[in-house]
Protein backbone atom coordinates (compact mmCIF):
# COMPACT_ATOMS: atom_id res chain seq x y z
CA UNK A 1 -28.23 -51.27 -17.31
CA UNK A 2 -25.99 -54.30 -17.83
CA UNK A 3 -25.83 -55.34 -21.48
CA UNK A 4 -25.27 -59.05 -22.13
CA UNK A 5 -23.43 -60.47 -25.13
CA UNK A 6 -24.87 -63.98 -25.07
CA UNK A 7 -26.75 -63.36 -28.32
CA UNK A 8 -23.51 -62.85 -30.27
CA UNK A 9 -21.57 -65.51 -32.19
CA UNK A 10 -19.47 -68.02 -30.28
CA UNK A 11 -19.16 -69.39 -26.79
CA UNK A 12 -17.26 -68.16 -23.74
CA UNK A 13 -14.64 -70.08 -21.83
CA UNK A 14 -11.89 -69.31 -19.32
CA UNK A 15 -8.26 -70.19 -20.00
CA UNK A 16 -5.35 -70.27 -17.54
CA UNK A 17 -2.28 -68.67 -19.06
CA UNK A 18 0.89 -67.02 -17.77
CA UNK A 19 -0.42 -66.73 -14.20
CA UNK A 20 -3.78 -65.17 -15.11
CA UNK A 21 -7.19 -66.38 -16.21
CA UNK A 22 -8.44 -64.91 -19.47
CA UNK A 23 -12.01 -64.90 -20.69
CA UNK A 24 -11.92 -66.08 -24.31
CA UNK A 25 -14.67 -66.04 -26.91
CA UNK A 26 -14.33 -68.95 -29.33
CA UNK A 27 -16.00 -68.91 -32.73
CA UNK A 28 -15.81 -71.11 -35.81
CA UNK A 29 -15.17 -74.80 -36.53
CA UNK A 30 -13.11 -76.63 -33.93
CA UNK A 31 -10.90 -78.14 -36.64
CA UNK A 32 -10.27 -74.80 -38.34
CA UNK A 33 -6.86 -73.12 -38.50
CA UNK A 34 -6.47 -70.91 -35.40
CA UNK A 35 -6.71 -67.13 -35.58
CA UNK A 36 -6.22 -64.98 -32.48
CA UNK A 37 -7.91 -61.56 -32.50
CA UNK A 38 -6.46 -59.04 -30.01
CA UNK A 39 -8.49 -55.97 -29.09
CA UNK A 40 -7.20 -52.62 -27.92
CA UNK A 41 -8.17 -49.73 -25.63
CA UNK A 42 -10.91 -49.22 -24.52
CA UNK A 43 -12.65 -52.22 -26.11
CA UNK A 44 -12.88 -55.92 -25.22
CA UNK A 45 -13.44 -59.03 -27.34
CA UNK A 46 -16.67 -57.43 -28.60
CA UNK A 47 -14.58 -55.03 -30.69
CA UNK A 48 -14.19 -57.82 -33.27
CA UNK A 49 -17.93 -58.57 -33.59
CA UNK A 50 -18.03 -57.45 -37.22
CA UNK A 51 -15.19 -59.81 -38.16
CA UNK A 52 -16.37 -62.96 -36.39
CA UNK A 53 -18.96 -64.24 -38.92
CA UNK A 54 -16.76 -63.64 -41.98
CA UNK A 55 -13.66 -65.29 -40.53
CA UNK A 56 -15.63 -68.20 -39.09
CA UNK A 57 -17.39 -68.72 -42.43
CA UNK A 58 -13.95 -68.86 -44.05
CA UNK A 59 -13.21 -71.88 -41.86
CA UNK A 60 -11.06 -70.36 -39.13
CA UNK A 61 -11.16 -71.22 -35.44
CA UNK A 62 -11.20 -67.84 -33.71
CA UNK A 63 -9.78 -67.25 -30.25
CA UNK A 64 -10.83 -63.78 -29.08
CA UNK A 65 -9.65 -63.00 -25.55
CA UNK A 66 -10.46 -60.20 -23.20
CA UNK A 67 -6.84 -59.27 -22.60
CA UNK A 68 -5.62 -58.97 -19.03
CA UNK A 69 -7.16 -56.01 -17.23
CA UNK A 70 -10.27 -56.00 -19.42
CA UNK A 71 -13.88 -57.05 -18.96
CA UNK A 72 -14.09 -60.64 -17.61
CA UNK A 73 -10.36 -61.45 -17.53
CA UNK A 74 -8.10 -61.17 -14.49
CA UNK A 75 -6.90 -57.73 -13.47
CA UNK A 76 -3.54 -57.93 -11.66
CA UNK A 77 -2.99 -55.04 -9.30
CA UNK A 78 0.66 -54.31 -10.08
CA UNK A 79 1.47 -51.91 -12.88
CA UNK A 80 4.43 -54.05 -13.88
CA UNK A 81 2.10 -56.95 -14.61
CA UNK A 82 1.05 -55.12 -17.77
CA UNK A 83 4.43 -54.83 -19.44
CA UNK A 84 4.33 -55.76 -23.09
CA UNK A 85 6.39 -58.94 -22.68
CA UNK A 86 3.87 -60.28 -20.13
CA UNK A 87 0.98 -59.41 -22.44
CA UNK A 88 2.64 -61.31 -25.28
CA UNK A 89 3.25 -64.32 -23.05
CA UNK A 90 -0.47 -64.37 -22.29
CA UNK A 91 -1.08 -65.14 -25.96
CA UNK A 92 1.68 -67.75 -26.08
CA UNK A 93 0.09 -69.42 -23.07
CA UNK A 94 -3.32 -69.29 -24.71
CA UNK A 95 -1.95 -71.13 -27.73
CA UNK A 96 -0.31 -73.69 -25.44
CA UNK A 97 -3.54 -74.21 -23.51
CA UNK A 98 -5.49 -74.74 -26.73
CA UNK A 99 -2.87 -77.10 -28.16
CA UNK A 100 -1.63 -74.92 -31.03
CA UNK A 101 2.02 -74.60 -32.00
CA UNK A 102 1.31 -71.40 -33.96
CA UNK A 103 -1.57 -69.24 -35.18
CA UNK A 104 -2.44 -66.31 -37.37
CA UNK A 105 -2.42 -63.23 -35.13
CA UNK A 106 -4.50 -60.09 -35.79
CA UNK A 107 -4.47 -57.05 -33.53
CA UNK A 108 -5.93 -53.55 -33.32
CA UNK A 109 -4.68 -50.64 -31.21
CA UNK A 110 -2.85 -52.02 -28.12
CA UNK A 111 -3.75 -55.51 -29.33
CA UNK A 112 -1.73 -54.75 -32.45
CA UNK A 113 1.24 -53.72 -30.30
CA UNK A 114 1.03 -57.10 -28.55
CA UNK A 115 0.87 -58.72 -31.99
CA UNK A 116 3.99 -56.87 -33.15
CA UNK A 117 5.81 -57.98 -29.99
CA UNK A 118 4.75 -61.58 -30.50
CA UNK A 119 6.17 -61.53 -34.01
CA UNK A 120 9.44 -60.07 -32.71
CA UNK A 121 9.93 -62.24 -29.62
CA UNK A 122 8.04 -65.41 -30.57
CA UNK A 123 8.14 -65.58 -34.39
CA UNK A 124 7.74 -69.35 -34.38
CA UNK A 125 4.29 -68.96 -32.85
CA UNK A 126 3.07 -66.51 -35.50
CA UNK A 127 2.16 -67.80 -38.96
CA UNK A 128 0.84 -64.51 -40.33
CA UNK A 129 0.49 -61.08 -38.76
CA UNK A 130 -2.44 -58.73 -39.30
CA UNK A 131 -2.09 -55.20 -37.92
CA UNK A 132 -4.79 -52.53 -37.67
CA UNK A 133 -3.87 -48.92 -36.89
CA UNK A 134 -0.90 -49.31 -34.60
CA UNK A 135 2.71 -48.99 -35.78
CA UNK A 136 5.69 -51.26 -35.28
CA UNK A 137 7.16 -50.19 -31.90
CA UNK A 138 10.42 -49.01 -33.45
CA UNK A 139 8.60 -47.04 -36.12
CA UNK A 140 6.48 -45.28 -33.51
CA UNK A 141 9.55 -44.50 -31.41
CA UNK A 142 11.12 -42.80 -34.42
CA UNK A 143 8.01 -40.88 -35.43
CA UNK A 144 7.11 -39.56 -31.98
CA UNK A 145 10.66 -38.36 -31.38
CA UNK A 146 11.04 -36.78 -34.82
CA UNK A 147 7.60 -35.41 -35.63
CA UNK A 148 6.00 -32.86 -33.27
CA UNK A 149 2.57 -33.60 -34.74
CA UNK A 150 2.71 -37.14 -33.36
CA UNK A 151 3.93 -35.94 -29.98
CA UNK A 152 0.98 -33.56 -29.76
CA UNK A 153 -1.50 -36.28 -30.72
CA UNK A 154 -0.16 -38.55 -27.97
CA UNK A 155 -0.86 -36.08 -25.16
CA UNK A 156 -3.47 -38.32 -23.52
CA UNK A 157 -0.92 -41.10 -22.93
CA UNK A 158 0.96 -38.71 -20.64
CA UNK A 159 -2.19 -37.89 -18.70
CA UNK A 160 -2.87 -41.61 -18.22
CA UNK A 161 0.42 -41.90 -16.29
CA UNK A 162 -1.08 -39.99 -13.36
CA UNK A 163 -2.35 -42.04 -10.40
CA UNK A 164 -6.10 -42.29 -9.66
CA UNK A 165 -7.11 -39.04 -11.43
CA UNK A 166 -7.62 -40.65 -14.86
CA UNK A 167 -9.83 -43.34 -13.32
CA UNK A 168 -11.99 -40.72 -11.64
CA UNK A 169 -12.28 -38.62 -14.79
CA UNK A 170 -13.15 -41.59 -17.03
CA UNK A 171 -15.71 -42.95 -14.55
CA UNK A 172 -17.51 -39.61 -14.16
CA UNK A 173 -21.02 -39.17 -15.60
CA UNK A 174 -21.34 -42.84 -16.50
CA UNK A 175 -18.06 -42.99 -18.47
CA UNK A 176 -18.86 -39.96 -20.60
CA UNK A 177 -15.22 -39.26 -21.55
CA UNK A 178 -14.59 -42.82 -22.65
CA UNK A 179 -17.79 -42.87 -24.66
CA UNK A 180 -16.88 -39.59 -26.34
CA UNK A 181 -13.42 -40.98 -27.01
CA UNK A 182 -15.09 -43.57 -29.22
CA UNK A 183 -17.78 -41.46 -30.84
CA UNK A 184 -15.75 -38.26 -31.41
CA UNK A 185 -12.85 -40.11 -33.04
CA UNK A 186 -14.99 -42.27 -35.35
CA UNK A 187 -17.36 -41.67 -38.24
CA UNK A 188 -20.93 -40.83 -37.19
CA UNK A 189 -22.97 -43.91 -36.35
CA UNK A 190 -19.99 -46.24 -35.95
CA UNK A 191 -20.95 -47.11 -32.38
CA UNK A 192 -24.63 -47.70 -31.62
CA UNK A 193 -26.32 -47.11 -28.27
CA UNK A 194 -26.31 -50.87 -27.70
CA UNK A 195 -22.57 -50.97 -28.43
CA UNK A 196 -21.88 -48.16 -25.98
CA UNK A 197 -24.00 -49.79 -23.29
CA UNK A 198 -22.01 -52.99 -23.66
CA UNK A 199 -18.76 -51.08 -23.37
CA UNK A 200 -20.01 -49.29 -20.25
CA UNK A 201 -20.80 -52.67 -18.70
CA UNK A 202 -17.21 -53.80 -19.34
CA UNK A 203 -15.69 -50.53 -18.09
CA UNK A 204 -17.78 -50.66 -14.92
CA UNK A 205 -16.43 -53.97 -13.66
CA UNK A 206 -14.41 -53.57 -10.41
CA UNK A 207 -10.83 -52.59 -11.18
CA UNK A 208 -11.33 -52.56 -14.93
CA UNK A 209 -10.39 -48.92 -15.50
CA UNK A 210 -7.12 -49.30 -13.59
CA UNK A 211 -6.31 -52.50 -15.46
CA UNK A 212 -6.96 -50.81 -18.80
CA UNK A 213 -4.89 -47.73 -17.93
CA UNK A 214 -2.02 -49.83 -16.61
CA UNK A 215 -1.26 -50.82 -20.21
CA UNK A 216 -0.21 -47.19 -20.77
CA UNK A 217 1.50 -46.85 -17.40
CA UNK A 218 3.65 -49.93 -17.85
CA UNK A 219 4.61 -49.24 -21.47
CA UNK A 220 5.49 -45.58 -21.72
CA UNK A 221 8.25 -44.00 -23.79
CA UNK A 222 10.84 -44.82 -21.11
CA UNK A 223 9.86 -48.48 -20.87
CA UNK A 224 12.03 -49.59 -23.79
CA UNK A 225 9.02 -50.74 -25.78
CA UNK A 226 9.61 -48.23 -28.57
CA UNK A 227 13.33 -48.87 -28.88
CA UNK A 228 12.94 -52.15 -30.78
CA UNK A 229 14.60 -51.94 -34.19
CA UNK A 230 14.36 -55.56 -35.36
CA UNK A 231 12.52 -56.37 -38.55
CA UNK A 232 9.50 -58.67 -38.50
CA UNK A 233 10.14 -61.83 -40.48
CA UNK A 234 6.63 -63.30 -40.77
CA UNK A 235 4.26 -62.19 -43.58
CA UNK A 236 2.54 -59.00 -42.40
CA UNK A 237 -0.47 -57.01 -43.56
CA UNK A 238 -1.00 -53.50 -42.17
CA UNK A 239 -4.51 -52.07 -42.55
CA UNK A 240 -4.71 -48.36 -41.77
CA UNK A 241 -7.48 -45.80 -41.45
CA UNK A 242 -5.96 -42.54 -42.69
CA UNK A 243 -8.19 -40.32 -40.54
CA UNK A 244 -6.83 -41.66 -37.26
CA UNK A 245 -6.89 -38.75 -34.79
CA UNK A 246 -4.18 -40.25 -32.55
CA UNK A 247 -1.65 -41.66 -35.03
CA UNK A 248 -0.33 -39.92 -38.12
CA UNK A 249 0.01 -41.78 -41.41
CA UNK A 250 3.79 -41.77 -41.33
CA UNK A 251 3.57 -44.48 -38.66
CA UNK A 252 2.00 -46.90 -41.12
CA UNK A 253 4.51 -46.25 -43.88
CA UNK A 254 7.52 -46.66 -41.60
CA UNK A 255 6.04 -49.82 -40.09
CA UNK A 256 6.06 -51.63 -43.43
CA UNK A 257 9.74 -50.77 -43.75
CA UNK A 258 10.28 -52.85 -40.60
CA UNK A 259 8.77 -55.92 -42.30
CA UNK A 260 10.70 -58.34 -44.50
CA UNK A 261 7.44 -59.39 -46.16
CA UNK A 262 4.95 -56.58 -45.52
CA UNK A 263 2.08 -54.88 -47.30
CA UNK A 264 0.11 -51.74 -46.46
CA UNK A 265 -3.52 -51.03 -47.31
CA UNK A 266 -4.78 -47.53 -46.47
CA UNK A 267 -8.47 -46.70 -46.17
CA UNK A 268 -8.53 -42.98 -46.90
CA UNK A 269 -11.96 -42.25 -45.39
CA UNK A 270 -11.64 -44.48 -42.29
CA UNK A 271 -10.49 -43.53 -38.80
CA UNK A 272 -8.69 -45.43 -36.06
CA UNK A 273 -11.74 -47.73 -35.86
CA UNK A 274 -11.22 -49.16 -39.31
CA UNK A 275 -12.53 -52.67 -38.54
CA UNK A 276 -15.87 -51.14 -37.54
CA UNK A 277 -16.20 -48.55 -40.29
CA UNK A 278 -14.89 -50.67 -43.17
CA UNK A 279 -15.94 -54.07 -41.90
CA UNK A 280 -16.67 -55.69 -45.26
CA UNK A 281 -13.45 -54.45 -46.84
CA UNK A 282 -11.36 -55.35 -43.78
CA UNK A 283 -12.93 -58.81 -43.65
CA UNK A 284 -12.16 -59.39 -47.32
CA UNK A 285 -8.53 -58.31 -46.90
CA UNK A 286 -8.09 -60.48 -43.80
CA UNK A 287 -9.66 -63.57 -45.32
CA UNK A 288 -7.44 -63.28 -48.40
CA UNK A 289 -4.29 -62.58 -46.40
CA UNK A 290 -4.77 -65.19 -43.69
CA UNK A 291 -5.23 -67.89 -46.31
């Protein structure tokens, strides 16, 4: 059954940017300082639902897109359309379309990788950088090449490079593998049945699975993404769930070393889904930092 999100905070609009149309959820006062929240795999804008009220109440104008390939946004057919530089330009174009010179940028998972890239390639558009459970690209490149534990944990990214088979496997039995990917890697009760139904609705849109997987296919280890060694110059806060099943803690520690003005907060009993499991604490840290 299709699960609607009309009862959640904010309003939906569509924004033309960088050759695609993105669905964007907007929340908070129109005259508030802009904050862009970037979701990761396999979520959509809904992945920030626990942050929206707190950040809006703090006076921020939130721009929360479905990134290209996801949910209600455009899904280009070419794998190359999902390279990290194009994904970053989507956000730059969103800021242009909304009339903002710069914004606070917060990302989780692949959304955090886009956020890192924005800070590296477009630092003038980023006022502050909030990162949740994804390392600086250079830090990850070092860790995965040096630490066999990280290479083993990244096995699924190799499987996602295959054509068509991953789509078929993830679609089978009403997206059972994707659902288990959320529930098995998170603390019990993190994702409710309503949450999972809403995710299934997003995953089931025509072409969505291929769009989502193309993020991995266009940005593998040979893409050059993880060879960046520049330091981030904007103030950066890294929030990290220590029980992440896909990314070892060393990624977080090395990432802060790539920041000229960086801080790391580790939640020892949280997983990769830290903004869901530690919503109040994450919200408090973000509100303080973004100010």
